[in-house]
Amino acid sequence: MLEELQIRNLAVIEDLSLVFGPGFNVITGETGAGKSLLVDALGLALGRRADPVFVRADAERASVEACFRLDDATRANLAPLLRAEELEDEVGSSLLLTRVIRRNGRSTARVNGIAVRSSLLKALGEAMVDIHGQSDHLSLLRPATHVDLLDRHANLLDQRAAVAKLVGRLQATRAQLGQLQLDEGRRERRAEQLRREVAEIEAVAPQPDEDERLRQERARLGNSEQLAQLGAEAQLALSGDERGGETPGALEQLMQAEQLLARLARIDPQLQEGHALADALAQQVQELTGALQDYRDRIEHNPQRLADVEQRLEAINTLRRRFGATIQAVLAHADEARAQLDALEHNEQQLLACQAEENRLLADLGRTASALSRARREAGQKLARQVMSELADLRMGGTRFEVSIAQQESADGCLVEGRRLRFDRVGIDRLQFLMSANPGQPPQPLAKVASGGEAARLMLALKHVLARADRTPALIFDEIDQGIGGRVGAVAGYKLRALGDAHQVLAVTHLAQLAACADRHYRVDKDPADRRARATVQLLQDEEARVAELASMLGAAGDSGRQTARELLQAAARHATRDAE
C-alpha cells in the first residue's frame, strides 16, 4: 500500500507531503491545479522516464519519494527482484522508492537509500502499482496478462504448474536429443578426434606432479660437475684432508673441544650441559659428513639421462599446451574425452531411448494441457457473463465481451486428439479478451476498440470482476470519469469503493458523484495570485469541507448545491452499508 508521497520542486509543486490510507482515495480540484501531476510524480518514483521539464523553474533538481508498506504477499512477490539486486536483506515491511531529476537531464534512483538502476524502480512499480492515465493502457489491455488473470481468477494455477513442469522436462529431453542427433559424419569426426586425443595422452602417460620431479632431476644432471665440486669442498671443510693436511676439519676440532669439555665438566659440573652440547654437535657433523659422502656417490654425470629427461619434459609440456595448464588438467581432459567417446559409440541406443521419452512426454503434456484448456473455456464463459453484467450497470448493456481461446498447430507440438499443437509453459492456449461496443460489430482486441469512456468503464468492470485475481496492491486511475456522465459516475464510484476492499485505490476525478463514494477525499488548489504558482493539497477531513468541495464540483455553490452534495454523500454511505451487510 502507498503510505506517503513526498514531492519537492516538481512543476507547480514546491514542497508537498501526502499521507494516503487504505480503501478508496480520491483527488479533486480545478482543471490545471495539478491533480494529474500527483500521478505523474508517482510514475517518476516508479521508474517512468525522467524529463527535466518537470523541474520547477526556480530549482536545480526535483525529487519524489514514495513510501510503501508491504504485506507478506507483496514482499514475497518482490523477493526475486530484490534478491537479484542483493537488496532482499535491506527491505523489511516498508519500501522507499526515491527519484531525483536534475535540470541537466540526469536522474538518480534509490531503494531504501541504496542507489539502483531506474529499471529496478520500474520493475518494482509494475508489481505494486497499476496506473491508468489519460494516455496509458492499463495492464488489462495487454493480451500477455490475460491468461494470468483468468488462471488466478479460476484457481487454475496448480494445473498450469503441472503443465510447466512437463514442458521443462520435455525441453531438457529435446536438448539432449539435439546433441544425439548430430549427423553421422560429424559424430564420426568427433569420435576420431577424441580417440587421437586419448591416444596421445596415454602414449605419454604423465603422472601427477611428474613434471616438477623431472625439473628437479634436470637441474641436478645439468649441474653435476658443480654439485660434485661443492660437495667435495663441503666434506673437506667438515672432515679435513684425509692425507693429513695441516688444517684439521670441523669434525676433528669439535671432537677435540668435546674431550676438553669433558675434562672441564669433571672438575666443574656446571659445564656438563656444554659438554653434552659439544658431543651432540660432533655427532651431527659426523652424520652430515656421511650424508655428504653418500650424496657425492650418487651424483651422476649422465648426458644421456639428461637428454631423456629433457625429452620427457617436452612431451609433457606439449600435452599441457594442448589440453590443460597442469598434468591434473590433462588427465581430467582424457577422462572427459573417454566419457564423450563412450557416449558417441553408444549414441544409437541413447537416441532411441531419448526419442521414446520425448513421445511419452508429448502425450502426457497433450493430456494435461488439454484439460487445462477445457477448464479455461468454462472459466472464460463465466467471466464474460460477469463482465457484461458489470457493464450493464455502467450503461453499456449492449456491449459484448468475450474471452478468446485459440490454439495453433505446430509440427513439433504436443499431441492433442490427433493434432500437434504449439505449446509453452502456460499451455496450448493463445488467450485474449475481446469486446464489441456496438451491435453487429465482431468482437476485437481491447486495445483496438476500448477508448475514451468505453475504455474507462470496461476497465472498471474488468477490475471489479477480477479484483480477487489481480495481485497488484495499488490501483491508480487518472481521469477515470472521461466520457462518463453523472449517473454512471455514481455507479463507477460504488465499484471503485468496492475495489478498495481488496486494493488500495487512488482516483483523480471531476465527477462529484464519483468523489462522494471515497473513503478519503483530497483537494488540490493553486493560488492564481501567486506568481510562483504553488500547488497545495488538503485532506478534507470533516463533512462540511467535503460538502463544499462536492457542491463546487457540481457548479452549484448555493444552498441547493450543498444539499445535493449532502445527498450524494448520504447515498454513498447507504450503498456502502448495504455492501457491508
Foldseek 3Di string as FASTA:
>chain_A
DWAKKWKDQFAQAHTAIDGDDFFEEEEEEDPPLCPCVSVVLVVVLLLDQDDLVRGAPVDFKMKMKIKDFADPVLLVVCVVLCVVVVCNVVDDRMWIWMKMAGNVGDIWIDISRHTDDSVSSNVSCVSAEFEDAQPDATPQLPLVCVLLLLCLLLVNVVLLQVLLVLQVVLVVLVVVLVVLPDDPVVLVVLLVVLVVLLVLCVVLVDDAPVLVVLVVVLVLQVCLVVLLVVLVVVLCQAQNDPVDDPDGHVLVVLVVVLVVLVVVCVVPVVSVVVSVVSVVVSVVSVVVSVVSVVVSVPRDNDVVVSVVSVVSSVSVVVLCVPQHVGVVRSVVSSVVSVVSSVCSVCSVVVSVVSVVVSLVSLAVSQVSLVVSVVSSQVSFVVLQVQLLVQVVLLVQNVKGKGKDWDWDFDPSAGDHPNTRTDAHSSGGISIAMWMDSDPPDDTDRCVVPQHFLNVLSSVLSSCLSSLSSDSHAEYEEEASCGVGDQSSLLVSLLSSSVSSVRHGYYYYYLHLLNQLLGPWYKYKRWDPVDPSTHIHIDIPDDPVSSLQVSLVSVVHNDPVSSVVSVVSNVVSVVSVVVVVD
